[in-house]
């Protein structure tokens, strides 16, 4: 995906872009299932809510051998429509994903983010 000049100028002005349907329904399903799988792990890579124990932040999906390693999230972040768009708006062809994490908010019971 190549961004238009208007999209790039919108990003420069607003600081964000919205991509409706960036991922297909199947891709969203796979990423949701993967988040659910990671959320069940007992590891220091997952920060949990106090009372409920629900996952709040899940770290280190980028590591090839870590407990939260995730091929689907690694692949999603490297898709040209994702990484390519980031390279365009940041004007840096050497850009790469250094770190991945998921911030989750449990419905109703979730604690506030500072």
N, C-alpha and C. Protein backbone atom coordinates (compact mmCIF):
# COMPACT_ATOMS: atom_id res chain seq x y z
N UNK A 1 0.85 -1.17 0.00
CA UNK A 1 0.00 0.00 0.00
C UNK A 1 0.90 1.23 0.00
N UNK A 2 0.60 2.14 -0.90
CA UNK A 2 1.30 3.42 -0.95
C UNK A 2 0.32 4.49 -0.49
N UNK A 3 0.77 5.32 0.44
CA UNK A 3 -0.07 6.40 0.93
C UNK A 3 -0.09 7.53 -0.10
N UNK A 4 -1.21 8.21 -0.13
CA UNK A 4 -1.32 9.36 -1.03
C UNK A 4 -0.66 10.58 -0.37
N UNK A 5 -0.41 11.62 -1.17
CA UNK A 5 0.14 12.87 -0.62
C UNK A 5 -0.80 13.45 0.43
N UNK A 6 -2.11 13.31 0.19
CA UNK A 6 -3.09 13.83 1.15
C UNK A 6 -2.98 13.09 2.48
N UNK A 7 -2.85 11.76 2.43
CA UNK A 7 -2.72 10.98 3.66
C UNK A 7 -1.46 11.39 4.43
N UNK A 8 -0.38 11.60 3.72
CA UNK A 8 0.86 12.00 4.38
C UNK A 8 0.72 13.39 5.00
N UNK A 9 0.10 14.31 4.27
CA UNK A 9 -0.08 15.66 4.84
C UNK A 9 -1.08 15.62 6.00
N UNK A 10 -2.11 14.76 5.92
CA UNK A 10 -3.03 14.58 7.05
C UNK A 10 -2.27 14.08 8.28
N UNK A 11 -1.38 13.11 8.07
CA UNK A 11 -0.58 12.61 9.19
C UNK A 11 0.28 13.72 9.77
N UNK A 12 0.92 14.50 8.90
CA UNK A 12 1.77 15.59 9.37
C UNK A 12 0.98 16.61 10.19
N UNK A 13 -0.26 16.84 9.80
CA UNK A 13 -1.10 17.83 10.47
C UNK A 13 -1.72 17.29 11.75
N UNK A 14 -2.26 16.05 11.69
CA UNK A 14 -3.01 15.48 12.81
C UNK A 14 -2.17 14.59 13.73
N UNK A 15 -1.16 13.93 13.15
CA UNK A 15 -0.34 13.02 13.94
C UNK A 15 -0.83 11.58 13.92
N UNK A 16 -1.85 11.30 13.13
CA UNK A 16 -2.36 9.93 13.04
C UNK A 16 -3.12 9.75 11.73
N UNK A 17 -3.32 8.51 11.35
CA UNK A 17 -4.16 8.12 10.21
C UNK A 17 -5.05 6.98 10.66
N UNK A 18 -6.23 6.90 10.10
CA UNK A 18 -7.15 5.80 10.38
C UNK A 18 -7.28 4.97 9.11
N UNK A 19 -7.06 3.68 9.24
CA UNK A 19 -7.21 2.76 8.12
C UNK A 19 -8.35 1.80 8.42
N UNK A 20 -9.47 2.04 7.85
CA UNK A 20 -10.60 1.13 8.01
C UNK A 20 -10.31 -0.14 7.20
N UNK A 21 -10.56 -1.29 7.82
CA UNK A 21 -10.37 -2.58 7.14
C UNK A 21 -8.93 -2.83 6.72
N UNK A 22 -7.98 -2.37 7.52
CA UNK A 22 -6.57 -2.62 7.22
C UNK A 22 -6.29 -4.12 7.25
N UNK A 23 -6.95 -4.82 8.17
CA UNK A 23 -6.83 -6.27 8.25
C UNK A 23 -8.15 -6.91 7.84
N UNK A 24 -8.05 -8.04 7.17
CA UNK A 24 -9.25 -8.78 6.77
C UNK A 24 -9.91 -9.39 8.01
N UNK A 25 -11.14 -9.83 7.85
CA UNK A 25 -11.84 -10.50 8.95
C UNK A 25 -11.06 -11.71 9.44
N UNK A 26 -10.49 -12.46 8.51
CA UNK A 26 -9.70 -13.65 8.88
C UNK A 26 -8.46 -13.23 9.68
N UNK A 27 -7.77 -12.20 9.24
CA UNK A 27 -6.59 -11.73 9.97
C UNK A 27 -6.95 -11.26 11.37
N UNK A 28 -8.05 -10.55 11.50
CA UNK A 28 -8.50 -10.09 12.81
C UNK A 28 -8.81 -11.28 13.71
N UNK A 29 -9.46 -12.28 13.17
CA UNK A 29 -9.77 -13.49 13.94
C UNK A 29 -8.49 -14.16 14.43
N UNK A 30 -7.51 -14.28 13.55
CA UNK A 30 -6.23 -14.91 13.92
C UNK A 30 -5.55 -14.10 15.02
N UNK A 31 -5.51 -12.77 14.90
CA UNK A 31 -4.85 -11.93 15.91
C UNK A 31 -5.59 -11.98 17.24
N UNK A 32 -6.91 -12.03 17.19
CA UNK A 32 -7.68 -12.15 18.45
C UNK A 32 -7.42 -13.48 19.13
N UNK A 33 -7.40 -14.55 18.34
CA UNK A 33 -7.12 -15.88 18.91
C UNK A 33 -5.72 -15.92 19.51
N UNK A 34 -4.78 -15.27 18.83
CA UNK A 34 -3.41 -15.24 19.33
C UNK A 34 -3.32 -14.44 20.63
N UNK A 35 -4.01 -13.31 20.71
CA UNK A 35 -4.03 -12.53 21.95
C UNK A 35 -4.64 -13.35 23.08
N UNK A 36 -5.69 -14.08 22.79
CA UNK A 36 -6.32 -14.94 23.81
C UNK A 36 -5.36 -16.03 24.27
N UNK A 37 -4.62 -16.61 23.33
CA UNK A 37 -3.64 -17.65 23.69
C UNK A 37 -2.56 -17.07 24.60
N UNK A 38 -2.01 -15.92 24.21
CA UNK A 38 -0.95 -15.31 25.00
C UNK A 38 -1.45 -14.95 26.39
N UNK A 39 -2.69 -14.47 26.48
CA UNK A 39 -3.27 -14.05 27.76
C UNK A 39 -3.36 -15.19 28.77
N UNK A 40 -3.38 -16.43 28.32
CA UNK A 40 -3.48 -17.57 29.24
C UNK A 40 -2.14 -17.97 29.84
N UNK A 41 -1.06 -17.45 29.31
CA UNK A 41 0.27 -17.84 29.78
C UNK A 41 0.57 -17.23 31.14
N UNK A 42 1.30 -17.97 31.94
CA UNK A 42 1.79 -17.47 33.22
C UNK A 42 3.27 -17.15 33.05
N UNK A 43 3.57 -15.87 32.90
CA UNK A 43 4.94 -15.44 32.66
C UNK A 43 5.10 -13.99 33.11
N UNK A 44 6.33 -13.60 33.38
CA UNK A 44 6.59 -12.22 33.76
C UNK A 44 6.36 -11.26 32.60
N UNK A 45 6.15 -11.77 31.42
CA UNK A 45 5.89 -10.95 30.23
C UNK A 45 4.45 -10.43 30.19
N UNK A 46 3.63 -10.85 31.14
CA UNK A 46 2.23 -10.43 31.17
C UNK A 46 1.96 -9.75 32.51
N UNK A 47 1.55 -8.49 32.43
CA UNK A 47 1.17 -7.73 33.62
C UNK A 47 -0.35 -7.89 33.76
N UNK A 48 -0.79 -8.27 34.94
CA UNK A 48 -2.22 -8.54 35.15
C UNK A 48 -2.86 -7.51 36.06
N UNK A 49 -4.18 -7.35 35.91
CA UNK A 49 -4.97 -6.48 36.78
C UNK A 49 -4.92 -7.04 38.19
N UNK A 50 -4.99 -6.17 39.18
CA UNK A 50 -4.93 -6.59 40.58
C UNK A 50 -5.97 -7.60 40.99
N UNK A 51 -7.22 -7.19 41.08
CA UNK A 51 -8.28 -8.09 41.59
C UNK A 51 -8.64 -9.19 40.62
N UNK A 52 -8.88 -8.82 39.39
CA UNK A 52 -9.42 -9.80 38.44
C UNK A 52 -8.37 -10.74 37.88
N UNK A 53 -7.11 -10.31 37.85
CA UNK A 53 -6.07 -11.14 37.25
C UNK A 53 -6.11 -11.12 35.73
N UNK A 54 -6.98 -10.29 35.16
CA UNK A 54 -7.07 -10.18 33.70
C UNK A 54 -5.78 -9.56 33.15
N UNK A 55 -5.34 -9.99 31.98
CA UNK A 55 -4.13 -9.41 31.42
C UNK A 55 -4.33 -7.93 31.10
N UNK A 56 -3.33 -7.13 31.46
CA UNK A 56 -3.39 -5.69 31.20
C UNK A 56 -2.41 -5.32 30.09
N UNK A 57 -1.20 -5.83 30.19
CA UNK A 57 -0.19 -5.60 29.15
C UNK A 57 0.56 -6.90 28.91
N UNK A 58 0.74 -7.22 27.64
CA UNK A 58 1.48 -8.43 27.26
C UNK A 58 2.67 -7.98 26.42
N UNK A 59 3.87 -8.34 26.86
CA UNK A 59 5.11 -7.89 26.25
C UNK A 59 5.83 -8.99 25.49
N UNK A 60 6.76 -8.57 24.67
CA UNK A 60 7.80 -9.39 24.06
C UNK A 60 7.32 -10.41 23.05
N UNK A 61 6.30 -10.05 22.27
CA UNK A 61 5.87 -10.96 21.21
C UNK A 61 6.90 -11.04 20.09
N UNK A 62 7.86 -10.10 20.07
CA UNK A 62 8.87 -10.04 19.02
C UNK A 62 10.00 -11.07 19.21
N UNK A 63 10.16 -11.58 20.41
CA UNK A 63 11.25 -12.52 20.66
C UNK A 63 10.96 -13.89 20.05
N UNK A 64 11.93 -14.41 19.35
CA UNK A 64 11.73 -15.70 18.67
C UNK A 64 11.59 -16.86 19.65
N UNK A 65 12.23 -16.75 20.82
CA UNK A 65 12.24 -17.89 21.74
C UNK A 65 11.60 -17.59 23.09
N UNK A 66 10.96 -16.45 23.25
CA UNK A 66 10.34 -16.10 24.53
C UNK A 66 8.99 -16.77 24.70
N UNK A 67 8.47 -16.76 25.93
CA UNK A 67 7.20 -17.42 26.19
C UNK A 67 6.02 -16.77 25.45
N UNK A 68 6.12 -15.48 25.17
CA UNK A 68 5.02 -14.79 24.48
C UNK A 68 5.32 -14.59 22.99
N UNK A 69 6.32 -15.27 22.48
CA UNK A 69 6.66 -15.19 21.06
C UNK A 69 5.41 -15.41 20.20
N UNK A 70 5.26 -14.61 19.15
CA UNK A 70 4.04 -14.71 18.35
C UNK A 70 4.32 -14.52 16.86
N UNK A 71 4.23 -15.59 16.12
CA UNK A 71 4.38 -15.50 14.66
C UNK A 71 3.31 -14.62 14.02
N UNK A 72 2.03 -14.73 14.43
CA UNK A 72 1.02 -13.87 13.81
C UNK A 72 1.28 -12.38 14.04
N UNK A 73 1.65 -11.98 15.25
CA UNK A 73 1.92 -10.56 15.50
C UNK A 73 3.20 -10.10 14.82
N UNK A 74 4.22 -10.97 14.76
CA UNK A 74 5.43 -10.62 14.01
C UNK A 74 5.10 -10.41 12.54
N UNK A 75 4.31 -11.30 11.98
CA UNK A 75 3.93 -11.16 10.57
C UNK A 75 3.09 -9.92 10.31
N UNK A 76 2.13 -9.66 11.17
CA UNK A 76 1.25 -8.50 10.99
C UNK A 76 2.03 -7.20 10.99
N UNK A 77 3.02 -7.10 11.85
CA UNK A 77 3.79 -5.86 11.95
C UNK A 77 4.74 -5.66 10.78
N UNK A 78 4.99 -6.71 10.03
CA UNK A 78 5.92 -6.62 8.89
C UNK A 78 5.20 -6.52 7.54
N UNK A 79 3.90 -6.58 7.56
CA UNK A 79 3.17 -6.46 6.30
C UNK A 79 3.48 -5.13 5.64
N UNK A 80 3.67 -5.10 4.32
CA UNK A 80 3.95 -3.83 3.64
C UNK A 80 2.88 -2.76 3.91
N UNK A 81 1.64 -3.17 4.05
CA UNK A 81 0.59 -2.18 4.30
C UNK A 81 0.68 -1.57 5.69
N UNK A 82 1.41 -2.21 6.58
CA UNK A 82 1.62 -1.68 7.94
C UNK A 82 2.98 -0.99 8.02
N UNK A 83 4.04 -1.75 7.85
CA UNK A 83 5.38 -1.20 7.98
C UNK A 83 5.68 -0.21 6.86
N UNK A 84 5.18 -0.49 5.66
CA UNK A 84 5.40 0.42 4.53
C UNK A 84 4.78 1.79 4.78
N UNK A 85 3.57 1.80 5.32
CA UNK A 85 2.90 3.08 5.62
C UNK A 85 3.67 3.83 6.70
N UNK A 86 4.16 3.12 7.72
CA UNK A 86 4.94 3.76 8.78
C UNK A 86 6.23 4.37 8.21
N UNK A 87 6.88 3.64 7.31
CA UNK A 87 8.10 4.16 6.68
C UNK A 87 7.81 5.44 5.91
N UNK A 88 6.66 5.47 5.24
CA UNK A 88 6.31 6.65 4.46
C UNK A 88 6.08 7.87 5.35
N UNK A 89 5.25 7.74 6.37
CA UNK A 89 4.92 8.92 7.18
C UNK A 89 6.11 9.36 8.04
N UNK A 90 6.97 8.43 8.41
CA UNK A 90 8.14 8.79 9.20
C UNK A 90 9.35 9.11 8.32
N UNK A 91 9.18 8.88 7.01
CA UNK A 91 10.21 9.19 6.02
C UNK A 91 11.54 8.53 6.38
N UNK A 92 11.45 7.22 6.62
CA UNK A 92 12.63 6.47 7.03
C UNK A 92 12.53 5.05 6.48
N UNK A 93 13.28 4.75 5.45
CA UNK A 93 13.25 3.42 4.85
C UNK A 93 13.95 2.37 5.71
N UNK A 94 14.72 2.79 6.68
CA UNK A 94 15.42 1.86 7.56
C UNK A 94 14.61 1.52 8.81
N UNK A 95 13.39 2.01 8.89
CA UNK A 95 12.53 1.78 10.04
C UNK A 95 12.28 0.29 10.24
N UNK A 96 12.25 -0.14 11.48
CA UNK A 96 11.94 -1.54 11.79
C UNK A 96 11.19 -1.58 13.12
N UNK A 97 10.53 -2.68 13.36
CA UNK A 97 9.80 -2.86 14.61
C UNK A 97 10.78 -3.35 15.66
N UNK A 98 10.94 -2.56 16.70
CA UNK A 98 11.88 -2.90 17.76
C UNK A 98 11.22 -3.74 18.86
N UNK A 99 9.93 -3.54 19.06
CA UNK A 99 9.28 -4.11 20.24
C UNK A 99 7.78 -4.21 19.96
N UNK A 100 7.17 -5.24 20.49
CA UNK A 100 5.71 -5.40 20.36
C UNK A 100 5.11 -5.66 21.73
N UNK A 101 3.95 -5.05 21.94
CA UNK A 101 3.19 -5.33 23.15
C UNK A 101 1.73 -5.10 22.85
N UNK A 102 0.89 -5.71 23.66
CA UNK A 102 -0.55 -5.53 23.56
C UNK A 102 -1.03 -4.93 24.87
N UNK A 103 -1.72 -3.81 24.79
CA UNK A 103 -2.37 -3.23 25.96
C UNK A 103 -3.83 -3.61 25.90
N UNK A 104 -4.30 -4.23 26.95
CA UNK A 104 -5.69 -4.69 26.98
C UNK A 104 -6.42 -3.96 28.12
N UNK A 105 -7.69 -3.79 27.96
CA UNK A 105 -8.51 -3.16 28.99
C UNK A 105 -9.71 -4.05 29.21
N UNK A 106 -9.78 -4.63 30.38
CA UNK A 106 -10.91 -5.51 30.70
C UNK A 106 -12.20 -4.66 30.78
N UNK A 107 -13.23 -5.13 30.15
CA UNK A 107 -14.51 -4.40 30.15
C UNK A 107 -15.04 -4.25 31.57
N UNK A 108 -15.48 -3.10 31.89
CA UNK A 108 -16.12 -2.73 33.16
C UNK A 108 -15.15 -2.83 34.34
N UNK A 109 -14.46 -3.96 34.50
CA UNK A 109 -13.61 -4.19 35.66
C UNK A 109 -12.20 -3.64 35.52
N UNK A 110 -11.79 -3.31 34.31
CA UNK A 110 -10.41 -2.89 34.10
C UNK A 110 -10.04 -1.63 34.85
N UNK A 111 -8.80 -1.57 35.30
CA UNK A 111 -8.33 -0.39 36.03
C UNK A 111 -7.94 0.70 35.04
N UNK A 112 -7.80 1.91 35.53
CA UNK A 112 -7.46 3.05 34.69
C UNK A 112 -6.00 2.98 34.28
N UNK A 113 -5.70 3.62 33.15
CA UNK A 113 -4.32 3.78 32.72
C UNK A 113 -3.87 5.15 33.20
N UNK A 114 -2.71 5.24 33.86
CA UNK A 114 -2.22 6.55 34.32
C UNK A 114 -1.92 7.45 33.14
